[in-house]
Amino acid sequence: MISGLTNEAICAEALEKGADMYITKPVDFYHLTTNILPHLIRTKEPA
C-alpha cells in the first residue's frame, strides 16, 4: 500500500487487513526496486 499518510495506527491497520507493505509518499524508487520487486517475484504463484 502506498499512502501520503504517515500515521502509525493507519499503517498497522492496513497491514492487519492484508497489505504486504506500507510505503509513504514521496515514493523512493530505489526502495521499490531493491525491496518490493524482489518480494513480488518471491510471492508470485506459478501459472
N, C-alpha and C. Protein backbone atom coordinates (compact mmCIF):
# COMPACT_ATOMS: atom_id res chain seq x y z
N MET A 1 0.84 -1.16 0.00
CA MET A 1 0.00 0.00 0.00
C MET A 1 0.89 1.23 0.00
N ILE A 2 0.56 2.20 -0.86
CA ILE A 2 1.28 3.46 -0.89
C ILE A 2 0.31 4.55 -0.43
N SER A 3 0.76 5.36 0.50
CA SER A 3 -0.11 6.38 1.06
C SER A 3 0.66 7.65 1.39
N GLY A 4 -0.04 8.75 1.41
CA GLY A 4 0.54 10.00 1.84
C GLY A 4 0.48 10.16 3.36
N LEU A 5 -0.22 9.23 4.02
CA LEU A 5 -0.37 9.29 5.47
C LEU A 5 0.77 8.56 6.16
N THR A 6 1.29 9.14 7.23
CA THR A 6 2.38 8.51 7.97
C THR A 6 1.94 8.09 9.36
N ASN A 7 0.64 8.10 9.62
CA ASN A 7 0.10 7.73 10.92
C ASN A 7 0.36 6.25 11.19
N GLU A 8 1.03 5.94 12.29
CA GLU A 8 1.40 4.55 12.59
C GLU A 8 0.18 3.66 12.81
N ALA A 9 -0.90 4.20 13.37
CA ALA A 9 -2.11 3.41 13.60
C ALA A 9 -2.74 3.00 12.27
N ILE A 10 -2.75 3.90 11.31
CA ILE A 10 -3.30 3.58 9.99
C ILE A 10 -2.43 2.55 9.30
N CYS A 11 -1.13 2.70 9.44
CA CYS A 11 -0.19 1.73 8.87
C CYS A 11 -0.43 0.35 9.45
N ALA A 12 -0.53 0.25 10.76
CA ALA A 12 -0.76 -1.04 11.42
C ALA A 12 -2.08 -1.65 10.97
N GLU A 13 -3.12 -0.83 10.85
CA GLU A 13 -4.42 -1.34 10.42
C GLU A 13 -4.36 -1.87 8.99
N ALA A 14 -3.67 -1.16 8.11
CA ALA A 14 -3.53 -1.62 6.72
C ALA A 14 -2.81 -2.96 6.66
N LEU A 15 -1.75 -3.11 7.45
CA LEU A 15 -1.01 -4.37 7.47
C LEU A 15 -1.86 -5.49 8.04
N GLU A 16 -2.65 -5.21 9.06
CA GLU A 16 -3.54 -6.22 9.65
C GLU A 16 -4.60 -6.67 8.66
N LYS A 17 -5.02 -5.76 7.78
CA LYS A 17 -6.08 -6.07 6.82
C LYS A 17 -5.55 -6.67 5.54
N GLY A 18 -4.24 -6.93 5.48
CA GLY A 18 -3.72 -7.67 4.34
C GLY A 18 -2.70 -6.98 3.46
N ALA A 19 -2.38 -5.74 3.74
CA ALA A 19 -1.34 -5.08 2.94
C ALA A 19 -0.01 -5.77 3.21
N ASP A 20 0.77 -6.00 2.16
CA ASP A 20 2.07 -6.64 2.33
C ASP A 20 3.10 -5.67 2.90
N MET A 21 3.03 -4.43 2.46
CA MET A 21 3.95 -3.39 2.91
C MET A 21 3.20 -2.07 2.94
N TYR A 22 3.72 -1.12 3.67
CA TYR A 22 3.13 0.21 3.75
C TYR A 22 4.22 1.21 3.41
N ILE A 23 4.07 1.88 2.29
CA ILE A 23 5.09 2.81 1.81
C ILE A 23 4.49 4.20 1.80
N THR A 24 5.21 5.16 2.35
CA THR A 24 4.71 6.53 2.36
C THR A 24 5.28 7.32 1.18
N LYS A 25 4.55 8.34 0.81
CA LYS A 25 4.99 9.24 -0.25
C LYS A 25 5.92 10.28 0.35
N PRO A 26 6.86 10.82 -0.37
CA PRO A 26 7.17 10.51 -1.75
C PRO A 26 7.83 9.15 -1.86
N VAL A 27 7.50 8.46 -2.92
CA VAL A 27 7.99 7.10 -3.13
C VAL A 27 9.47 7.13 -3.47
N ASP A 28 10.22 6.27 -2.81
CA ASP A 28 11.66 6.13 -3.06
C ASP A 28 11.82 4.98 -4.05
N PHE A 29 12.13 5.30 -5.31
CA PHE A 29 12.20 4.27 -6.34
C PHE A 29 13.34 3.28 -6.10
N TYR A 30 14.39 3.69 -5.44
CA TYR A 30 15.46 2.74 -5.09
C TYR A 30 14.90 1.69 -4.12
N HIS A 31 14.12 2.14 -3.14
CA HIS A 31 13.48 1.21 -2.19
C HIS A 31 12.54 0.26 -2.93
N LEU A 32 11.79 0.78 -3.89
CA LEU A 32 10.88 -0.07 -4.65
C LEU A 32 11.62 -1.18 -5.37
N THR A 33 12.70 -0.82 -6.05
CA THR A 33 13.41 -1.82 -6.85
C THR A 33 14.24 -2.80 -6.01
N THR A 34 14.70 -2.37 -4.84
CA THR A 34 15.55 -3.26 -4.04
C THR A 34 14.78 -4.07 -3.00
N ASN A 35 13.59 -3.64 -2.64
CA ASN A 35 12.83 -4.35 -1.61
C ASN A 35 11.51 -4.93 -2.10
N ILE A 36 10.78 -4.15 -2.85
CA ILE A 36 9.44 -4.59 -3.23
C ILE A 36 9.46 -5.51 -4.44
N LEU A 37 10.22 -5.18 -5.46
CA LEU A 37 10.28 -6.03 -6.64
C LEU A 37 10.73 -7.45 -6.29
N PRO A 38 11.79 -7.63 -5.51
CA PRO A 38 12.16 -9.00 -5.12
C PRO A 38 11.05 -9.70 -4.33
N HIS A 39 10.33 -8.95 -3.49
CA HIS A 39 9.22 -9.53 -2.73
C HIS A 39 8.14 -10.02 -3.68
N LEU A 40 7.82 -9.23 -4.69
CA LEU A 40 6.80 -9.63 -5.66
C LEU A 40 7.23 -10.86 -6.44
N ILE A 41 8.49 -10.92 -6.80
CA ILE A 41 8.99 -12.07 -7.54
C ILE A 41 8.92 -13.33 -6.68
N ARG A 42 9.27 -13.23 -5.39
CA ARG A 42 9.23 -14.39 -4.49
C ARG A 42 7.82 -14.89 -4.25
N THR A 43 6.84 -13.97 -4.19
CA THR A 43 5.49 -14.35 -3.83
C THR A 43 4.59 -14.66 -5.01
N LYS A 44 5.11 -14.51 -6.24
CA LYS A 44 4.31 -14.81 -7.42
C LYS A 44 4.04 -16.31 -7.48
N GLU A 45 2.76 -16.64 -7.64
CA GLU A 45 2.37 -18.04 -7.73
C GLU A 45 2.66 -18.57 -9.12
N PRO A 46 3.10 -19.82 -9.22
CA PRO A 46 3.35 -20.40 -10.54
C PRO A 46 2.05 -20.46 -11.36
N ALA A 47 2.18 -20.24 -12.66
CA ALA A 47 0.99 -20.26 -13.54
C ALA A 47 0.55 -21.67 -13.85
